[in-house]
Amino acid sequence: SCAVSGSIFSFTSMGWYRQAPGKERELVA
C-alpha cells in the first residue's frame, strides 16, 4: 500500500517500481 499526502488526481499517474540489488529501478505497474 502507498499512502499519498495529497490527492492522487493531482498526478497524471501513480506507479509502483522496484529495484533489485545490482539492477536498475524498473516500472512494475
PDB file of all heavy atoms in Angstrom:
ATOM      1  N   SER A   1       0.841  -1.195   0.000  1.00  0.00           N
ATOM      2  CA  SER A   1       0.000   0.000   0.000  1.00  0.00           C
ATOM      3  C   SER A   1       0.875   1.243   0.000  1.00  0.00           C
ATOM      4  O   SER A   1       1.976   1.238   0.561  1.00  0.00           O
ATOM      5  CB  SER A   1      -0.912   0.014   1.226  1.00  0.00           C
ATOM      6  OG  SER A   1      -1.848  -1.045   1.177  1.00  0.00           O
ATOM      7  N   CYS A   2       0.370   2.288  -0.616  1.00  0.00           N
ATOM      8  CA  CYS A   2       1.075   3.566  -0.667  1.00  0.00           C
ATOM      9  C   CYS A   2       0.086   4.652  -0.254  1.00  0.00           C
ATOM     10  O   CYS A   2      -0.926   4.863  -0.930  1.00  0.00           O
ATOM     11  CB  CYS A   2       1.592   3.824  -2.069  1.00  0.00           C
ATOM     12  SG  CYS A   2       2.324   5.453  -2.315  1.00  0.00           S
ATOM     13  N   ALA A   3       0.388   5.310   0.849  1.00  0.00           N
ATOM     14  CA  ALA A   3      -0.440   6.414   1.317  1.00  0.00           C
ATOM     15  C   ALA A   3       0.126   7.721   0.764  1.00  0.00           C
ATOM     16  O   ALA A   3       1.326   7.989   0.912  1.00  0.00           O
ATOM     17  CB  ALA A   3      -0.458   6.446   2.840  1.00  0.00           C
ATOM     18  N   VAL A   4      -0.732   8.495   0.133  1.00  0.00           N
ATOM     19  CA  VAL A   4      -0.327   9.737  -0.535  1.00  0.00           C
ATOM     20  C   VAL A   4      -0.871  10.921   0.265  1.00  0.00           C
ATOM     21  O   VAL A   4      -2.045  10.933   0.627  1.00  0.00           O
ATOM     22  CB  VAL A   4      -0.853   9.762  -1.974  1.00  0.00           C
ATOM     23  CG1 VAL A   4      -0.352  11.005  -2.707  1.00  0.00           C
ATOM     24  CG2 VAL A   4      -0.455   8.505  -2.720  1.00  0.00           C
ATOM     25  N   SER A   5      -0.005  11.920   0.499  1.00  0.00           N
ATOM     26  CA  SER A   5      -0.408  13.033   1.358  1.00  0.00           C
ATOM     27  C   SER A   5      -1.378  13.987   0.680  1.00  0.00           C
ATOM     28  O   SER A   5      -2.058  14.755   1.359  1.00  0.00           O
ATOM     29  CB  SER A   5       0.820  13.812   1.832  1.00  0.00           C
ATOM     30  OG  SER A   5       1.496  14.394   0.732  1.00  0.00           O
ATOM     31  N   GLY A   6      -1.460  13.941  -0.636  1.00  0.00           N
ATOM     32  CA  GLY A   6      -2.396  14.791  -1.350  1.00  0.00           C
ATOM     33  C   GLY A   6      -3.302  13.979  -2.231  1.00  0.00           C
ATOM     34  O   GLY A   6      -3.317  12.751  -2.162  1.00  0.00           O
ATOM     35  N   SER A   7      -4.073  14.658  -3.064  1.00  0.00           N
ATOM     36  CA  SER A   7      -4.974  13.949  -3.965  1.00  0.00           C
ATOM     37  C   SER A   7      -4.190  13.255  -5.069  1.00  0.00           C
ATOM     38  O   SER A   7      -3.344  13.864  -5.726  1.00  0.00           O
ATOM     39  CB  SER A   7      -5.961  14.931  -4.595  1.00  0.00           C
ATOM     40  OG  SER A   7      -6.706  14.289  -5.611  1.00  0.00           O
ATOM     41  N   ILE A   8      -4.486  11.986  -5.266  1.00  0.00           N
ATOM     42  CA  ILE A   8      -3.800  11.255  -6.338  1.00  0.00           C
ATOM     43  C   ILE A   8      -4.218  11.767  -7.705  1.00  0.00           C
ATOM     44  O   ILE A   8      -3.521  11.516  -8.693  1.00  0.00           O
ATOM     45  CB  ILE A   8      -4.022   9.729  -6.215  1.00  0.00           C
ATOM     46  CG1 ILE A   8      -5.506   9.385  -6.279  1.00  0.00           C
ATOM     47  CG2 ILE A   8      -3.413   9.205  -4.928  1.00  0.00           C
ATOM     48  CD1 ILE A   8      -5.776   7.880  -6.227  1.00  0.00           C
ATOM     49  N   PHE A   9      -5.328  12.504  -7.771  1.00  0.00           N
ATOM     50  CA  PHE A   9      -5.752  13.071  -9.050  1.00  0.00           C
ATOM     51  C   PHE A   9      -4.913  14.282  -9.446  1.00  0.00           C
ATOM     52  O   PHE A   9      -5.076  14.814 -10.546  1.00  0.00           O
ATOM     53  CB  PHE A   9      -7.237  13.439  -9.010  1.00  0.00           C
ATOM     54  CG  PHE A   9      -8.145  12.246  -9.033  1.00  0.00           C
ATOM     55  CD1 PHE A   9      -8.986  11.973  -7.970  1.00  0.00           C
ATOM     56  CD2 PHE A   9      -8.143  11.376 -10.114  1.00  0.00           C
ATOM     57  CE1 PHE A   9      -9.821  10.867  -7.989  1.00  0.00           C
ATOM     58  CE2 PHE A   9      -8.971  10.264 -10.145  1.00  0.00           C
ATOM     59  CZ  PHE A   9      -9.809  10.013  -9.076  1.00  0.00           C
ATOM     60  N   SER A  10      -4.011  14.706  -8.556  1.00  0.00           N
ATOM     61  CA  SER A  10      -3.097  15.793  -8.887  1.00  0.00           C
ATOM     62  C   SER A  10      -2.032  15.352  -9.878  1.00  0.00           C
ATOM     63  O   SER A  10      -1.324  16.203 -10.429  1.00  0.00           O
ATOM     64  CB  SER A  10      -2.411  16.307  -7.622  1.00  0.00           C
ATOM     65  OG  SER A  10      -3.348  16.808  -6.692  1.00  0.00           O
ATOM     66  N   PHE A  11      -1.928  14.048 -10.080  1.00  0.00           N
ATOM     67  CA  PHE A  11      -0.861  13.479 -10.903  1.00  0.00           C
ATOM     68  C   PHE A  11      -1.444  12.778 -12.121  1.00  0.00           C
ATOM     69  O   PHE A  11      -2.573  12.310 -12.109  1.00  0.00           O
ATOM     70  CB  PHE A  11      -0.028  12.520 -10.065  1.00  0.00           C
ATOM     71  CG  PHE A  11       0.453  13.136  -8.788  1.00  0.00           C
ATOM     72  CD1 PHE A  11      -0.204  12.899  -7.599  1.00  0.00           C
ATOM     73  CD2 PHE A  11       1.540  13.996  -8.784  1.00  0.00           C
ATOM     74  CE1 PHE A  11       0.208  13.500  -6.425  1.00  0.00           C
ATOM     75  CE2 PHE A  11       1.958  14.599  -7.621  1.00  0.00           C
ATOM     76  CZ  PHE A  11       1.293  14.363  -6.439  1.00  0.00           C
ATOM     77  N   THR A  12      -0.653  12.696 -13.168  1.00  0.00           N
ATOM     78  CA  THR A  12      -1.128  12.035 -14.381  1.00  0.00           C
ATOM     79  C   THR A  12      -1.248  10.534 -14.167  1.00  0.00           C
ATOM     80  O   THR A  12      -2.064   9.872 -14.805  1.00  0.00           O
ATOM     81  CB  THR A  12      -0.191  12.322 -15.557  1.00  0.00           C
ATOM     82  OG1 THR A  12       1.136  11.898 -15.227  1.00  0.00           O
ATOM     83  CG2 THR A  12      -0.175  13.810 -15.875  1.00  0.00           C
ATOM     84  N   SER A  13      -0.441   9.991 -13.262  1.00  0.00           N
ATOM     85  CA  SER A  13      -0.493   8.570 -12.957  1.00  0.00           C
ATOM     86  C   SER A  13       0.228   8.305 -11.639  1.00  0.00           C
ATOM     87  O   SER A  13       0.943   9.167 -11.120  1.00  0.00           O
ATOM     88  CB  SER A  13       0.161   7.747 -14.075  1.00  0.00           C
ATOM     89  OG  SER A  13       1.490   8.167 -14.305  1.00  0.00           O
ATOM     90  N   MET A  14       0.022   7.112 -11.126  1.00  0.00           N
ATOM     91  CA  MET A  14       0.741   6.625  -9.955  1.00  0.00           C
ATOM     92  C   MET A  14       1.385   5.313 -10.352  1.00  0.00           C
ATOM     93  O   MET A  14       0.767   4.496 -11.048  1.00  0.00           O
ATOM     94  CB  MET A  14      -0.213   6.399  -8.781  1.00  0.00           C
ATOM     95  CG  MET A  14      -0.930   7.647  -8.282  1.00  0.00           C
ATOM     96  SD  MET A  14       0.180   8.854  -7.536  1.00  0.00           S
ATOM     97  CE  MET A  14       0.865   7.916  -6.166  1.00  0.00           C
ATOM     98  N   GLY A  15       2.611   5.117  -9.910  1.00  0.00           N
ATOM     99  CA  GLY A  15       3.319   3.920 -10.325  1.00  0.00           C
ATOM    100  C   GLY A  15       3.943   3.168  -9.165  1.00  0.00           C
ATOM    101  O   GLY A  15       4.215   3.746  -8.108  1.00  0.00           O
ATOM    102  N   TRP A  16       4.133   1.889  -9.381  1.00  0.00           N
ATOM    103  CA  TRP A  16       4.948   1.054  -8.497  1.00  0.00           C
ATOM    104  C   TRP A  16       6.186   0.635  -9.282  1.00  0.00           C
ATOM    105  O   TRP A  16       6.070   0.134 -10.409  1.00  0.00           O
ATOM    106  CB  TRP A  16       4.184  -0.184  -8.035  1.00  0.00           C
ATOM    107  CG  TRP A  16       3.224   0.067  -6.924  1.00  0.00           C
ATOM    108  CD1 TRP A  16       1.880   0.255  -7.019  1.00  0.00           C
ATOM    109  CD2 TRP A  16       3.549   0.158  -5.535  1.00  0.00           C
ATOM    110  NE1 TRP A  16       1.334   0.448  -5.772  1.00  0.00           N
ATOM    111  CE2 TRP A  16       2.345   0.401  -4.836  1.00  0.00           C
ATOM    112  CE3 TRP A  16       4.726   0.047  -4.794  1.00  0.00           C
ATOM    113  CZ2 TRP A  16       2.293   0.538  -3.448  1.00  0.00           C
ATOM    114  CZ3 TRP A  16       4.670   0.191  -3.419  1.00  0.00           C
ATOM    115  CH2 TRP A  16       3.472   0.437  -2.763  1.00  0.00           C
ATOM    116  N   TYR A  17       7.330   0.857  -8.679  1.00  0.00           N
ATOM    117  CA  TYR A  17       8.612   0.481  -9.261  1.00  0.00           C
ATOM    118  C   TYR A  17       9.306  -0.476  -8.295  1.00  0.00           C
ATOM    119  O   TYR A  17       8.940  -0.577  -7.127  1.00  0.00           O
ATOM    120  CB  TYR A  17       9.500   1.721  -9.445  1.00  0.00           C
ATOM    121  CG  TYR A  17       9.018   2.699 -10.493  1.00  0.00           C
ATOM    122  CD1 TYR A  17       7.900   3.502 -10.275  1.00  0.00           C
ATOM    123  CD2 TYR A  17       9.707   2.845 -11.697  1.00  0.00           C
ATOM    124  CE1 TYR A  17       7.470   4.407 -11.240  1.00  0.00           C
ATOM    125  CE2 TYR A  17       9.299   3.755 -12.652  1.00  0.00           C
ATOM    126  CZ  TYR A  17       8.171   4.535 -12.419  1.00  0.00           C
ATOM    127  OH  TYR A  17       7.762   5.426 -13.374  1.00  0.00           O
ATOM    128  N   ARG A  18      10.338  -1.136  -8.801  1.00  0.00           N
ATOM    129  CA  ARG A  18      11.146  -1.980  -7.925  1.00  0.00           C
ATOM    130  C   ARG A  18      12.611  -1.912  -8.351  1.00  0.00           C
ATOM    131  O   ARG A  18      12.916  -1.640  -9.511  1.00  0.00           O
ATOM    132  CB  ARG A  18      10.656  -3.422  -7.918  1.00  0.00           C
ATOM    133  CG  ARG A  18      10.844  -4.169  -9.220  1.00  0.00           C
ATOM    134  CD  ARG A  18      10.190  -5.544  -9.138  1.00  0.00           C
ATOM    135  NE  ARG A  18      10.347  -6.313 -10.374  1.00  0.00           N
ATOM    136  CZ  ARG A  18       9.753  -7.473 -10.610  1.00  0.00           C
ATOM    137  NH1 ARG A  18       8.942  -8.009  -9.691  1.00  0.00           N
ATOM    138  NH2 ARG A  18       9.949  -8.103 -11.746  1.00  0.00           N
ATOM    139  N   GLN A  19      13.461  -2.156  -7.375  1.00  0.00           N
ATOM    140  CA  GLN A  19      14.897  -2.179  -7.643  1.00  0.00           C
ATOM    141  C   GLN A  19      15.522  -3.328  -6.880  1.00  0.00           C
ATOM    142  O   GLN A  19      15.493  -3.359  -5.652  1.00  0.00           O
ATOM    143  CB  GLN A  19      15.545  -0.858  -7.242  1.00  0.00           C
ATOM    144  CG  GLN A  19      16.990  -0.747  -7.666  1.00  0.00           C
ATOM    145  CD  GLN A  19      17.522   0.666  -7.574  1.00  0.00           C
ATOM    146  OE1 GLN A  19      16.962   1.527  -6.895  1.00  0.00           O
ATOM    147  NE2 GLN A  19      18.606   0.939  -8.279  1.00  0.00           N
ATOM    148  N   ALA A  20      16.065  -4.257  -7.643  1.00  0.00           N
ATOM    149  CA  ALA A  20      16.772  -5.391  -7.061  1.00  0.00           C
ATOM    150  C   ALA A  20      18.252  -5.036  -6.916  1.00  0.00           C
ATOM    151  O   ALA A  20      18.753  -4.155  -7.636  1.00  0.00           O
ATOM    152  CB  ALA A  20      16.595  -6.622  -7.936  1.00  0.00           C
ATOM    153  N   PRO A  21      18.978  -5.713  -6.020  1.00  0.00           N
ATOM    154  CA  PRO A  21      20.408  -5.412  -5.843  1.00  0.00           C
ATOM    155  C   PRO A  21      21.172  -5.523  -7.148  1.00  0.00           C
ATOM    156  O   PRO A  21      21.037  -6.508  -7.879  1.00  0.00           O
ATOM    157  CB  PRO A  21      20.851  -6.473  -4.843  1.00  0.00           C
ATOM    158  CG  PRO A  21      19.627  -6.834  -4.085  1.00  0.00           C
ATOM    159  CD  PRO A  21      18.506  -6.730  -5.080  1.00  0.00           C
ATOM    160  N   GLY A  22      21.938  -4.495  -7.445  1.00  0.00           N
ATOM    161  CA  GLY A  22      22.757  -4.510  -8.654  1.00  0.00           C
ATOM    162  C   GLY A  22      22.006  -4.236  -9.943  1.00  0.00           C
ATOM    163  O   GLY A  22      22.597  -4.303 -11.021  1.00  0.00           O
ATOM    164  N   LYS A  23      20.733  -3.931  -9.832  1.00  0.00           N
ATOM    165  CA  LYS A  23      19.928  -3.680 -11.032  1.00  0.00           C
ATOM    166  C   LYS A  23      19.330  -2.278 -10.991  1.00  0.00           C
ATOM    167  O   LYS A  23      19.244  -1.654  -9.944  1.00  0.00           O
ATOM    168  CB  LYS A  23      18.819  -4.724 -11.163  1.00  0.00           C
ATOM    169  CG  LYS A  23      19.324  -6.137 -11.388  1.00  0.00           C
ATOM    170  CD  LYS A  23      18.177  -7.076 -11.705  1.00  0.00           C
ATOM    171  CE  LYS A  23      18.678  -8.466 -12.013  1.00  0.00           C
ATOM    172  NZ  LYS A  23      17.558  -9.397 -12.351  1.00  0.00           N
ATOM    173  N   GLU A  24      18.907  -1.819 -12.151  1.00  0.00           N
ATOM    174  CA  GLU A  24      18.276  -0.512 -12.228  1.00  0.00           C
ATOM    175  C   GLU A  24      16.822  -0.592 -11.748  1.00  0.00           C
ATOM    176  O   GLU A  24      16.197  -1.653 -11.801  1.00  0.00           O
ATOM    177  CB  GLU A  24      18.321  -0.001 -13.669  1.00  0.00           C
ATOM    178  CG  GLU A  24      19.723   0.333 -14.155  1.00  0.00           C
ATOM    179  CD  GLU A  24      19.725   1.015 -15.510  1.00  0.00           C
ATOM    180  OE1 GLU A  24      18.642   1.155 -16.114  1.00  0.00           O
ATOM    181  OE2 GLU A  24      20.812   1.408 -15.962  1.00  0.00           O
ATOM    182  N   ARG A  25      16.328   0.540 -11.317  1.00  0.00           N
ATOM    183  CA  ARG A  25      14.929   0.609 -10.916  1.00  0.00           C
ATOM    184  C   ARG A  25      14.062   0.431 -12.157  1.00  0.00           C
ATOM    185  O   ARG A  25      14.339   1.008 -13.208  1.00  0.00           O
ATOM    186  CB  ARG A  25      14.642   1.961 -10.248  1.00  0.00           C
ATOM    187  CG  ARG A  25      13.312   2.041  -9.549  1.00  0.00           C
ATOM    188  CD  ARG A  25      13.196   3.311  -8.731  1.00  0.00           C
ATOM    189  NE  ARG A  25      14.207   3.370  -7.673  1.00  0.00           N
ATOM    190  CZ  ARG A  25      14.203   4.301  -6.708  1.00  0.00           C
ATOM    191  NH1 ARG A  25      13.254   5.223  -6.678  1.00  0.00           N
ATOM    192  NH2 ARG A  25      15.157   4.300  -5.806  1.00  0.00           N
ATOM    193  N   GLU A  26      13.007  -0.384 -12.023  1.00  0.00           N
ATOM    194  CA  GLU A  26      12.143  -0.658 -13.163  1.00  0.00           C
ATOM    195  C   GLU A  26      10.683  -0.455 -12.784  1.00  0.00           C
ATOM    196  O   GLU A  26      10.278  -0.676 -11.635  1.00  0.00           O
ATOM    197  CB  GLU A  26      12.334  -2.099 -13.669  1.00  0.00           C
ATOM    198  CG  GLU A  26      11.976  -3.173 -12.665  1.00  0.00           C
ATOM    199  CD  GLU A  26      12.051  -4.567 -13.249  1.00  0.00           C
ATOM    200  OE1 GLU A  26      12.263  -4.722 -14.462  1.00  0.00           O
ATOM    201  OE2 GLU A  26      11.866  -5.528 -12.469  1.00  0.00           O
ATOM    202  N   LEU A  27       9.899  -0.057 -13.777  1.00  0.00           N
ATOM    203  CA  LEU A  27       8.468   0.123 -13.584  1.00  0.00           C
ATOM    204  C   LEU A  27       7.783  -1.238 -13.532  1.00  0.00           C
ATOM    205  O   LEU A  27       8.012  -2.081 -14.397  1.00  0.00           O
ATOM    206  CB  LEU A  27       7.887   0.961 -14.728  1.00  0.00           C
ATOM    207  CG  LEU A  27       6.382   1.154 -14.722  1.00  0.00           C
ATOM    208  CD1 LEU A  27       5.948   1.983 -13.516  1.00  0.00           C
ATOM    209  CD2 LEU A  27       5.935   1.809 -16.022  1.00  0.00           C
ATOM    210  N   VAL A  28       6.953  -1.425 -12.529  1.00  0.00           N
ATOM    211  CA  VAL A  28       6.220  -2.675 -12.364  1.00  0.00           C
ATOM    212  C   VAL A  28       4.775  -2.514 -12.837  1.00  0.00           C
ATOM    213  O   VAL A  28       4.264  -3.334 -13.592  1.00  0.00           O
ATOM    214  CB  VAL A  28       6.235  -3.119 -10.882  1.00  0.00           C
ATOM    215  CG1 VAL A  28       5.344  -4.333 -10.681  1.00  0.00           C
ATOM    216  CG2 VAL A  28       7.652  -3.400 -10.424  1.00  0.00           C
ATOM    217  N   ALA A  29       4.131  -1.453 -12.378  1.00  0.00           N
ATOM    218  CA  ALA A  29       2.725  -1.234 -12.712  1.00  0.00           C
ATOM    219  C   ALA A  29       2.408   0.239 -12.591  1.00  0.00           C
ATOM    220  O   ALA A  29       3.052   0.966 -11.831  1.00  0.00           O
ATOM    221  CB  ALA A  29       1.802  -2.046 -11.794  1.00  0.00           C
TER     222      ALA A  29
END
